[in-house]
Amino acid sequence: MQKLQEAIVSTPDSIYLHIAIKSTTQGNHQFYIFQNSNTSFAIGTSTIEQGQVIGDFPRDGQWYDFYIPMAQFASAVASSEVKSNTNILCILSGSQTGAQLDLDAIYFCDLDFKEHFDEYTCKDKYNVSITAGEHGSLTNSKEGILTTCDTYTFCTEAIPDEGCHFVKWSDGYGIQGRCININSDTTIVAIFAKGEVGGMLGEALYWSYEADKRQITVSGNGEMTEHGYSYVGYFEERYNLEGMITEKILVEEGATNLSRSIFKSLRKLQSADLAASIERIDESAFEDCRSLSQVTFATGSSLTTIGDWAFYNCHELASIAIPDGVTTIGKAAFYGCAYMQQLALPASVRNISDNAFALCSRLQKITVDAIVPPAIAEKTFFEVNPQTPVYVPEASVSAYKADQYWGRMNIVGAETPVVDATADAPAIRKQLINGRLLIIRNGHTYTVQGQQLQ
């Protein structure tokens, strides 16, 4: 027994414990190597005392093989007091009274024997890839063809690099240490992210915080389903990070929305860079971010909807160019953005709800590209100086002035971009494209405000 102990301690990556097991009754079964509680593991759905679950098996009365790598138990085995009368393996069964559990072929073997045995006695071959993604590693990894008699159990743990954190496994499992039952082709990757703090925001979206940059980064793909809390910063409350100071938000390509209240009340937040993949900003996403002064939408933005109260009370937001493609701006979306001086609304906008820009009292210039006046409400621009010029397409001035609510504002025909009036100046023409008046000059397309389009 001491020689076995020495073998496990000296070559832990090569030694496996094999157990064949069968039963027709549900139950969990705890195993102890050398009678040491620190070497315990369970076969079933949960442990009886302590240790980890290394796998489960169907209760169909058929035999199932488990190969348990000893690497994870090496340090505990080394500290075990092994004597001539020490039991090599102890078993504690948690099944019901009268249940039958059969065990057979319990032995320790080295890796060479296991692979040799599998190759010549088994027919099941699986393509297996269990690896670590960027910013981390695994205690055990596996890539290639696996030959096995039956379900093969592979145990490993995800270890993040310094300054990084574990996010989850690609199959959705959220605990760093795990054992994987392999009975088919298997590809699983451990996902890590930069920053010492992070978490999930959806099925395939996660966030990380980098203290040196004072930045939250959102990475991954798909829908953001996790929501923030009311009246407090979501991240400080959800993750108990009272000392966290966030000055910048970076949403990388892949996220399709910003969920309700997700960045609410991050009062030190100064800037937000939003990926082109974002299709909507949900209710109160940036509400009460009082220091937010810059919001940048990536070129080719997919944004269509800005939800109710999305930027409510963002005092320092001095200007915003809402991307072309946005059709709806929700109720009180920019309410109380007291320092906003310039506002540009694209041709795509169709509906702007009540109080959307209420109390934006410092607005000095509003431009609207839409040929057809967007639907607004009586208080959409509540407390905005009625003398603030609203630049609209020249051909639509009369339509805006005739509108019940736009007509109360100072509607001005937009100026054509200034160009050189020389013999060499490029030809200029106006063209109505998809209901939008555009300027074509020297092969390039511009809005009537002079902004070049991609």
Protein backbone atom coordinates (compact mmCIF):
# COMPACT_ATOMS: atom_id res chain seq x y z
CA MET A 1 0.00 0.00 0.00
CA GLN A 2 2.83 2.38 0.69
CA LYS A 3 4.16 1.74 -2.81
CA LEU A 4 0.76 2.63 -4.21
CA GLN A 5 0.80 5.80 -2.15
CA GLU A 6 4.26 6.66 -3.47
CA ALA A 7 3.17 6.03 -7.06
CA ILE A 8 0.16 8.33 -6.74
CA VAL A 9 2.23 11.09 -5.15
CA SER A 10 5.22 10.83 -7.52
CA THR A 11 3.32 10.37 -10.82
CA PRO A 12 -0.20 11.68 -10.16
CA ASP A 13 -0.93 12.48 -13.80
CA SER A 14 -0.37 8.86 -14.80
CA ILE A 15 -2.35 6.96 -12.14
CA TYR A 16 -6.06 6.19 -12.47
CA LEU A 17 -8.53 4.39 -10.23
CA HIS A 18 -10.90 2.16 -12.20
CA ILE A 19 -14.34 1.28 -10.86
CA ALA A 20 -17.04 -0.73 -12.66
CA ILE A 21 -20.50 -0.08 -11.23
CA LYS A 22 -24.11 -1.02 -11.91
CA SER A 23 -27.47 -0.61 -10.17
CA THR A 24 -31.18 -0.21 -10.85
CA THR A 25 -31.83 2.11 -7.91
CA GLN A 26 -31.16 5.84 -7.63
CA GLY A 27 -28.68 6.88 -4.98
CA ASN A 28 -25.35 8.59 -4.34
CA HIS A 29 -22.22 6.69 -3.39
CA GLN A 30 -19.20 8.15 -1.58
CA PHE A 31 -15.68 6.71 -1.95
CA TYR A 32 -12.62 7.32 0.26
CA ILE A 33 -9.05 6.49 -0.72
CA PHE A 34 -6.88 5.32 2.22
CA GLN A 35 -9.72 6.14 4.64
CA ASN A 36 -8.93 9.85 4.20
CA SER A 37 -11.92 12.22 4.03
CA ASN A 38 -9.86 14.65 1.94
CA THR A 39 -9.59 12.06 -0.84
CA SER A 40 -13.34 11.49 -1.07
CA PHE A 41 -15.43 11.68 -4.22
CA ALA A 42 -18.96 10.71 -5.14
CA ILE A 43 -20.64 8.88 -8.01
CA GLY A 44 -24.21 10.11 -8.40
CA THR A 45 -25.87 13.52 -8.47
CA SER A 46 -24.47 14.92 -5.22
CA THR A 47 -22.03 14.13 -2.42
CA ILE A 48 -23.06 12.50 0.84
CA GLU A 49 -20.44 14.18 3.01
CA GLN A 50 -17.77 16.17 1.17
CA GLY A 51 -15.56 16.09 -1.90
CA GLN A 52 -16.79 16.39 -5.47
CA VAL A 53 -19.10 14.49 -7.79
CA ILE A 54 -17.02 12.83 -10.51
CA GLY A 55 -19.96 11.57 -12.55
CA ASP A 56 -23.19 9.59 -12.65
CA PHE A 57 -24.50 6.53 -14.53
CA PRO A 58 -27.87 5.26 -15.79
CA ARG A 59 -29.69 2.97 -13.32
CA ASP A 60 -30.49 0.37 -15.96
CA GLY A 61 -28.68 -2.65 -14.51
CA GLN A 62 -25.82 -2.37 -17.00
CA TRP A 63 -22.13 -2.06 -16.13
CA TYR A 64 -20.47 1.36 -16.40
CA ASP A 65 -16.75 2.09 -16.13
CA PHE A 66 -15.20 5.06 -14.36
CA TYR A 67 -11.54 6.03 -14.66
CA ILE A 68 -10.81 8.58 -11.93
CA PRO A 69 -7.52 10.49 -12.36
CA MET A 70 -5.50 10.64 -9.16
CA ALA A 71 -3.91 14.01 -9.91
CA GLN A 72 -6.60 15.88 -7.97
CA PHE A 73 -6.06 13.69 -4.88
CA ALA A 74 -2.24 13.59 -4.87
CA SER A 75 -1.68 16.09 -2.06
CA ALA A 76 -4.33 14.47 0.16
CA VAL A 77 -2.90 11.00 -0.54
CA ALA A 78 0.56 12.27 0.41
CA SER A 79 -0.74 13.33 3.84
CA SER A 80 -2.57 10.04 4.45
CA GLU A 81 -1.27 7.78 7.20
CA VAL A 82 -0.99 4.45 5.40
CA LYS A 83 -0.49 1.28 7.49
CA SER A 84 -0.70 -2.41 6.74
CA ASN A 85 -4.30 -2.51 7.92
CA THR A 86 -5.43 0.67 6.15
CA ASN A 87 -8.31 0.19 3.76
CA ILE A 88 -7.33 1.21 0.23
CA LEU A 89 -10.92 2.13 -0.66
CA CYS A 90 -13.94 2.70 1.57
CA ILE A 91 -17.49 3.10 0.30
CA LEU A 92 -20.49 4.85 1.86
CA SER A 93 -23.73 4.24 -0.04
CA GLY A 94 -26.64 6.62 0.30
CA SER A 95 -29.23 4.52 -1.51
CA GLN A 96 -32.47 3.23 0.01
CA THR A 97 -32.68 0.16 2.23
CA GLY A 98 -32.70 -3.04 0.22
CA ALA A 99 -31.22 -1.48 -2.90
CA GLN A 100 -28.50 -3.38 -4.71
CA LEU A 101 -25.24 -1.81 -5.86
CA ASP A 102 -22.71 -3.94 -7.74
CA LEU A 103 -19.03 -3.03 -7.93
CA ASP A 104 -16.35 -4.85 -9.88
CA ALA A 105 -12.88 -4.46 -11.39
CA ILE A 106 -11.67 -1.98 -8.77
CA TYR A 107 -8.00 -1.36 -9.40
CA PHE A 108 -5.35 1.31 -9.82
CA CYS A 109 -3.51 1.47 -13.15
CA ASP A 110 -1.16 3.76 -14.99
CA LEU A 111 -2.06 5.71 -18.11
CA ASP A 112 -0.17 3.39 -20.47
CA PHE A 113 -2.14 0.37 -19.23
CA LYS A 114 -5.44 2.20 -19.49
CA GLU A 115 -4.85 3.37 -23.06
CA HIS A 116 -3.55 -0.08 -24.06
CA PHE A 117 -6.57 -1.79 -22.46
CA ASP A 118 -9.04 0.58 -24.10
CA GLU A 119 -7.42 0.32 -27.53
CA TYR A 120 -7.67 -3.48 -27.71
CA THR A 121 -10.91 -4.17 -25.85
CA CYS A 122 -13.19 -1.24 -26.67
CA LYS A 123 -14.81 0.02 -29.84
CA ASP A 124 -16.19 3.42 -28.82
CA LYS A 125 -14.08 6.28 -30.16
CA TYR A 126 -14.93 9.91 -29.57
CA ASN A 127 -13.45 13.19 -30.77
CA VAL A 128 -12.73 15.08 -27.56
CA SER A 129 -11.55 18.63 -27.00
CA ILE A 130 -11.58 19.97 -23.44
CA THR A 131 -9.43 23.11 -23.40
CA ALA A 132 -8.97 26.56 -21.89
CA GLY A 133 -9.75 29.78 -23.73
CA GLU A 134 -7.70 32.95 -23.54
CA HIS A 135 -6.58 34.24 -20.13
CA GLY A 136 -6.55 30.90 -18.32
CA SER A 137 -5.56 27.24 -18.20
CA LEU A 138 -6.81 23.82 -17.04
CA THR A 139 -5.29 21.44 -14.50
CA ASN A 140 -6.04 18.71 -17.04
CA SER A 141 -6.87 19.18 -20.71
CA LYS A 142 -7.59 16.70 -23.46
CA GLU A 143 -7.63 16.87 -27.26
CA GLY A 144 -7.83 14.06 -29.79
CA ILE A 145 -9.44 10.64 -30.18
CA LEU A 146 -10.68 8.97 -27.00
CA THR A 147 -11.12 5.19 -27.08
CA THR A 148 -13.19 3.87 -24.20
CA CYS A 149 -15.39 0.93 -23.26
CA ASP A 150 -18.22 3.06 -22.00
CA THR A 151 -18.81 6.44 -20.35
CA TYR A 152 -15.44 8.04 -19.59
CA THR A 153 -15.15 10.52 -16.74
CA PHE A 154 -12.66 13.37 -17.14
CA CYS A 155 -11.96 15.71 -14.21
CA THR A 156 -10.30 19.11 -14.41
CA GLU A 157 -10.36 22.64 -13.01
CA ALA A 158 -10.28 26.01 -14.77
CA ILE A 159 -7.53 28.32 -13.46
CA PRO A 160 -7.60 32.00 -14.54
CA ASP A 161 -4.39 33.88 -15.30
CA GLU A 162 -3.28 36.61 -12.92
CA GLY A 163 -5.53 39.64 -13.23
CA CYS A 164 -8.28 37.59 -14.92
CA HIS A 165 -11.30 35.60 -13.79
CA PHE A 166 -13.22 32.48 -14.75
CA VAL A 167 -16.55 33.16 -16.47
CA LYS A 168 -18.07 29.76 -17.26
CA TRP A 169 -17.68 26.64 -19.40
CA SER A 170 -18.94 26.81 -22.97
CA ASP A 171 -21.69 24.28 -22.18
CA GLY A 172 -23.06 26.61 -19.50
CA TYR A 173 -21.55 24.95 -16.40
CA GLY A 174 -20.58 27.67 -13.94
CA ILE A 175 -18.20 26.01 -11.42
CA GLN A 176 -14.46 26.01 -12.08
CA GLY A 177 -13.79 22.44 -10.96
CA ARG A 178 -15.79 19.70 -12.64
CA CYS A 179 -15.89 16.14 -13.92
CA ILE A 180 -17.26 15.50 -17.39
CA ASN A 181 -18.92 12.26 -18.46
CA ILE A 182 -17.87 11.56 -22.05
CA ASN A 183 -20.02 9.21 -24.08
CA SER A 184 -20.11 11.09 -27.39
CA ASP A 185 -18.01 13.60 -29.33
CA THR A 186 -17.31 16.40 -26.86
CA THR A 187 -16.02 19.96 -27.24
CA ILE A 188 -15.93 22.14 -24.14
CA VAL A 189 -13.93 25.31 -23.54
CA ALA A 190 -13.30 27.14 -20.27
CA ILE A 191 -14.09 30.83 -20.78
CA PHE A 192 -12.09 33.50 -18.97
CA ALA A 193 -12.06 37.30 -19.10
CA LYS A 194 -9.69 40.09 -18.19
CA GLY A 195 -10.21 41.77 -14.86
CA GLU A 196 -10.37 40.26 -11.42
CA VAL A 197 -14.14 40.66 -11.18
CA GLY A 198 -16.88 39.62 -13.60
CA GLY A 199 -20.07 37.71 -14.17
CA MET A 200 -22.77 36.65 -16.58
CA LEU A 201 -25.28 39.02 -18.17
CA GLY A 202 -27.03 36.45 -20.35
CA GLU A 203 -26.65 32.98 -21.74
CA ALA A 204 -23.59 33.97 -23.76
CA LEU A 205 -22.76 37.47 -22.44
CA TYR A 206 -20.46 38.34 -19.58
CA TRP A 207 -18.91 41.40 -18.01
CA SER A 208 -15.53 42.09 -16.47
CA TYR A 209 -14.10 44.98 -14.49
CA GLU A 210 -10.55 46.28 -14.82
CA ALA A 211 -9.64 48.41 -11.84
CA ASP A 212 -6.61 50.03 -13.48
CA LYS A 213 -8.81 51.32 -16.33
CA ARG A 214 -11.88 51.85 -14.15
CA GLN A 215 -13.73 50.13 -16.97
CA ILE A 216 -16.52 47.58 -17.34
CA THR A 217 -16.29 45.55 -20.56
CA VAL A 218 -19.22 43.54 -21.90
CA SER A 219 -18.18 40.64 -24.15
CA GLY A 220 -19.82 37.67 -25.82
CA ASN A 221 -22.89 37.32 -28.00
CA GLY A 222 -26.65 37.59 -27.92
CA GLU A 223 -29.35 38.90 -25.62
CA MET A 224 -28.57 40.61 -22.33
CA THR A 225 -31.14 39.23 -19.92
CA GLU A 226 -29.72 40.14 -16.51
CA HIS A 227 -31.33 43.28 -15.09
CA GLY A 228 -30.11 45.95 -12.72
CA TYR A 229 -31.72 47.07 -9.49
CA SER A 230 -33.62 50.25 -8.80
CA TYR A 231 -31.98 53.34 -7.32
CA VAL A 232 -28.53 51.84 -6.86
CA GLY A 233 -25.72 50.91 -9.22
CA TYR A 234 -26.38 47.35 -10.36
CA PHE A 235 -22.81 46.17 -10.14
CA GLU A 236 -22.12 47.58 -6.67
CA GLU A 237 -25.34 46.02 -5.36
CA ARG A 238 -25.30 42.70 -7.23
CA TYR A 239 -21.64 41.92 -6.61
CA ASN A 240 -21.12 43.82 -3.33
CA LEU A 241 -18.43 46.05 -4.86
CA GLU A 242 -18.87 49.21 -2.85
CA GLY A 243 -15.34 50.39 -3.66
CA MET A 244 -15.65 49.92 -7.41
CA ILE A 245 -15.35 53.12 -9.44
CA THR A 246 -16.51 52.86 -13.04
CA GLU A 247 -15.65 55.66 -15.44
CA LYS A 248 -16.00 53.85 -18.77
CA ILE A 249 -18.30 51.24 -20.34
CA LEU A 250 -17.12 49.27 -23.38
CA VAL A 251 -19.69 47.00 -25.03
CA GLU A 252 -17.91 44.83 -27.58
CA GLU A 253 -19.41 43.55 -30.82
CA GLY A 254 -21.87 40.71 -30.22
CA ALA A 255 -24.31 42.05 -27.61
CA THR A 256 -27.75 42.80 -29.09
CA ASN A 257 -29.19 44.98 -26.32
CA LEU A 258 -28.54 46.76 -23.05
CA SER A 259 -31.02 45.40 -20.52
CA ARG A 260 -33.22 47.32 -18.10
CA SER A 261 -31.36 49.41 -15.51
CA ILE A 262 -28.09 47.59 -16.25
CA PHE A 263 -25.82 50.63 -15.77
CA LYS A 264 -28.23 52.67 -13.68
CA SER A 265 -26.75 55.02 -11.09
CA LEU A 266 -23.09 54.51 -12.01
CA ARG A 267 -22.54 58.10 -11.00
CA LYS A 268 -18.83 58.23 -11.82
CA LEU A 269 -19.41 56.92 -15.35
CA GLN A 270 -18.05 59.35 -17.94
CA SER A 271 -18.19 57.56 -21.31
CA ALA A 272 -19.84 54.61 -23.04
CA ASP A 273 -18.69 53.01 -26.30
CA LEU A 274 -21.49 50.90 -27.78
CA ALA A 275 -20.99 48.21 -30.42
CA ALA A 276 -22.73 48.24 -33.80
CA SER A 277 -24.52 44.99 -32.91
CA ILE A 278 -26.72 46.65 -30.28
CA GLU A 279 -30.30 46.83 -31.54
CA ARG A 280 -31.98 48.42 -28.54
CA ILE A 281 -31.22 50.24 -25.30
CA ASP A 282 -33.81 49.12 -22.76
CA GLU A 283 -35.61 51.04 -20.05
CA SER A 284 -33.40 53.04 -17.64
CA ALA A 285 -30.18 51.46 -18.95
CA PHE A 286 -28.14 54.59 -18.13
CA GLU A 287 -30.61 56.34 -15.85
CA ASP A 288 -29.05 58.69 -13.30
CA CYS A 289 -25.50 58.33 -14.65
CA ARG A 290 -24.94 61.95 -13.74
CA SER A 291 -21.34 62.24 -14.96
CA LEU A 292 -21.92 60.57 -18.35
CA SER A 293 -20.72 63.08 -20.93
CA GLN A 294 -19.96 60.99 -24.02
CA VAL A 295 -21.87 58.18 -25.74
CA THR A 296 -20.27 56.77 -28.89
CA PHE A 297 -22.16 54.52 -31.29
CA ALA A 298 -19.99 52.35 -33.55
CA THR A 299 -20.12 52.88 -37.31
CA GLY A 300 -22.90 50.85 -38.87
CA SER A 301 -24.96 50.82 -35.67
CA SER A 302 -27.97 48.44 -35.65
CA LEU A 303 -29.77 50.47 -32.99
CA THR A 304 -33.52 50.86 -33.59
CA THR A 305 -34.98 51.63 -30.16
CA ILE A 306 -34.00 53.84 -27.23
CA GLY A 307 -36.23 52.83 -24.31
CA ASP A 308 -38.10 54.83 -21.70
CA TRP A 309 -35.82 56.71 -19.28
CA ALA A 310 -32.76 55.23 -21.00
CA PHE A 311 -30.61 58.34 -20.34
CA TYR A 312 -32.85 59.99 -17.75
CA ASN A 313 -31.04 62.56 -15.62
CA CYS A 314 -27.67 62.21 -17.39
CA HIS A 315 -26.82 65.83 -16.57
CA GLU A 316 -23.42 66.03 -18.28
CA LEU A 317 -24.43 64.62 -21.67
CA ALA A 318 -23.64 67.70 -23.78
CA SER A 319 -24.48 66.28 -27.22
CA ILE A 320 -25.58 63.07 -28.85
CA ALA A 321 -25.78 61.95 -32.48
CA ILE A 322 -28.47 59.28 -32.54
CA PRO A 323 -27.57 56.67 -35.18
CA ASP A 324 -29.41 56.37 -38.45
CA GLY A 325 -31.75 53.40 -38.09
CA VAL A 326 -33.30 54.43 -34.78
CA THR A 327 -37.09 54.60 -35.22
CA THR A 328 -38.33 55.00 -31.64
CA ILE A 329 -37.22 57.17 -28.72
CA GLY A 330 -39.06 56.30 -25.52
CA LYS A 331 -40.74 58.31 -22.80
CA ALA A 332 -38.38 60.60 -20.86
CA ALA A 333 -35.44 58.92 -22.61
CA PHE A 334 -33.24 62.04 -22.25
CA TYR A 335 -35.24 63.82 -19.58
CA GLY A 336 -33.13 66.20 -17.50
CA CYS A 337 -30.00 66.13 -19.67
CA ALA A 338 -29.52 69.71 -18.56
CA TYR A 339 -26.18 70.34 -20.30
CA MET A 340 -27.17 68.97 -23.71
CA GLN A 341 -26.43 71.66 -26.28
CA GLN A 342 -26.74 69.81 -29.62
CA LEU A 343 -29.10 67.07 -30.74
CA ALA A 344 -29.08 65.27 -34.10
CA LEU A 345 -32.03 63.06 -35.05
CA PRO A 346 -31.67 60.77 -38.08
CA ALA A 347 -34.09 60.37 -40.97
CA SER A 348 -35.20 56.99 -39.63
CA VAL A 349 -36.91 58.39 -36.51
CA ARG A 350 -40.68 57.89 -36.57
CA ASN A 351 -41.82 58.27 -32.95
CA ILE A 352 -40.50 60.40 -30.08
CA SER A 353 -42.47 59.93 -26.87
CA ASP A 354 -43.64 62.43 -24.27
CA ASN A 355 -40.91 64.17 -22.21
CA ALA A 356 -38.18 62.48 -24.29
CA PHE A 357 -36.08 65.68 -24.22
CA ALA A 358 -37.85 67.52 -21.41
CA LEU A 359 -35.71 69.87 -19.30
CA CYS A 360 -32.90 69.83 -21.85
CA SER A 361 -32.98 73.55 -21.27
CA ARG A 362 -29.53 74.37 -22.75
CA LEU A 363 -30.23 72.98 -26.21
CA GLN A 364 -28.86 75.43 -28.79
CA LYS A 365 -29.33 73.41 -31.97
CA ILE A 366 -31.55 70.55 -33.07
CA THR A 367 -31.22 68.88 -36.46
CA VAL A 368 -33.77 66.44 -37.86
CA ASP A 369 -33.06 64.57 -41.10
CA ALA A 370 -36.52 63.04 -41.45
CA ILE A 371 -38.48 64.17 -44.51
CA VAL A 372 -41.77 63.27 -42.77
CA PRO A 373 -42.01 64.91 -39.33
CA PRO A 374 -41.67 62.24 -36.61
CA ALA A 375 -44.64 61.89 -34.28
CA ILE A 376 -44.01 63.79 -31.04
CA ALA A 377 -46.14 64.66 -28.02
CA GLU A 378 -47.07 67.91 -26.36
CA LYS A 379 -44.21 67.73 -23.83
CA THR A 380 -41.56 65.95 -25.87
CA PHE A 381 -39.44 69.12 -25.71
CA PHE A 382 -40.89 70.49 -22.45
CA GLU A 383 -38.87 73.44 -21.10
CA VAL A 384 -36.71 73.60 -24.24
CA ASN A 385 -36.42 77.20 -25.46
CA PRO A 386 -38.98 77.51 -28.28
CA GLN A 387 -36.52 79.80 -30.11
CA THR A 388 -33.90 77.04 -30.37
CA PRO A 389 -33.43 76.48 -34.13
CA VAL A 390 -34.66 73.11 -35.42
CA TYR A 391 -32.98 72.39 -38.76
CA VAL A 392 -35.05 70.17 -41.05
CA PRO A 393 -34.80 69.32 -44.77
CA GLU A 394 -35.62 72.39 -46.84
CA ALA A 395 -38.37 70.54 -48.70
CA SER A 396 -40.09 69.63 -45.42
CA VAL A 397 -40.17 73.01 -43.67
CA SER A 398 -43.86 73.55 -44.38
CA ALA A 399 -44.77 70.05 -43.12
CA TYR A 400 -42.97 70.65 -39.83
CA LYS A 401 -44.53 74.07 -39.38
CA ALA A 402 -47.97 72.61 -40.03
CA ASP A 403 -47.53 69.87 -37.41
CA GLN A 404 -49.46 70.34 -34.16
CA TYR A 405 -46.36 70.19 -31.95
CA TRP A 406 -43.38 70.75 -34.24
CA GLY A 407 -45.12 73.92 -35.37
CA ARG A 408 -44.60 75.46 -31.93
CA MET A 409 -40.84 75.31 -32.43
CA ASN A 410 -38.41 77.43 -34.46
CA ILE A 411 -38.31 75.42 -37.72
CA VAL A 412 -35.48 76.34 -40.08
CA GLY A 413 -34.59 74.91 -43.50
CA ALA A 414 -31.29 73.05 -43.30
CA GLU A 415 -28.34 74.62 -45.04
CA THR A 416 -26.62 72.85 -47.95
CA PRO A 417 -22.96 72.03 -47.14
CA VAL A 418 -20.61 74.82 -48.22
CA VAL A 419 -18.37 73.94 -51.19
CA ASP A 420 -15.87 75.80 -53.36
CA ALA A 421 -17.60 77.73 -56.13
CA THR A 422 -14.68 77.36 -58.55
CA ALA A 423 -14.38 75.80 -61.96
CA ASP A 424 -12.73 72.76 -60.39
CA ALA A 425 -15.42 72.26 -57.77
CA PRO A 426 -17.07 68.81 -58.00
CA ALA A 427 -20.63 68.51 -59.27
CA ILE A 428 -23.27 68.66 -56.57
CA ARG A 429 -26.80 67.30 -56.74
CA LYS A 430 -29.60 66.67 -54.30
CA GLN A 431 -31.38 63.32 -54.27
CA LEU A 432 -34.27 61.87 -52.29
CA ILE A 433 -33.22 58.35 -51.17
CA ASN A 434 -35.60 56.22 -49.09
CA GLY A 435 -37.49 59.31 -48.04
CA ARG A 436 -34.31 61.12 -47.00
CA LEU A 437 -32.88 64.20 -48.68
CA LEU A 438 -29.16 63.66 -49.35
CA ILE A 439 -26.35 65.56 -51.05
CA ILE A 440 -24.25 63.73 -53.67
CA ARG A 441 -20.84 65.32 -54.24
CA ASN A 442 -17.93 63.85 -56.15
CA GLY A 443 -19.15 60.30 -55.60
CA HIS A 444 -19.68 60.77 -51.85
CA THR A 445 -23.00 61.06 -50.02
CA TYR A 446 -23.72 63.61 -47.28
CA THR A 447 -26.66 64.55 -45.08
CA VAL A 448 -28.06 68.04 -45.49
CA GLN A 449 -26.06 68.94 -42.36
CA GLY A 450 -22.81 67.99 -44.11
CA GLN A 451 -22.12 64.65 -42.40
CA GLN A 452 -20.57 62.13 -44.77
CA LEU A 453 -22.29 58.76 -44.87
CA GLN A 454 -20.52 55.41 -45.20
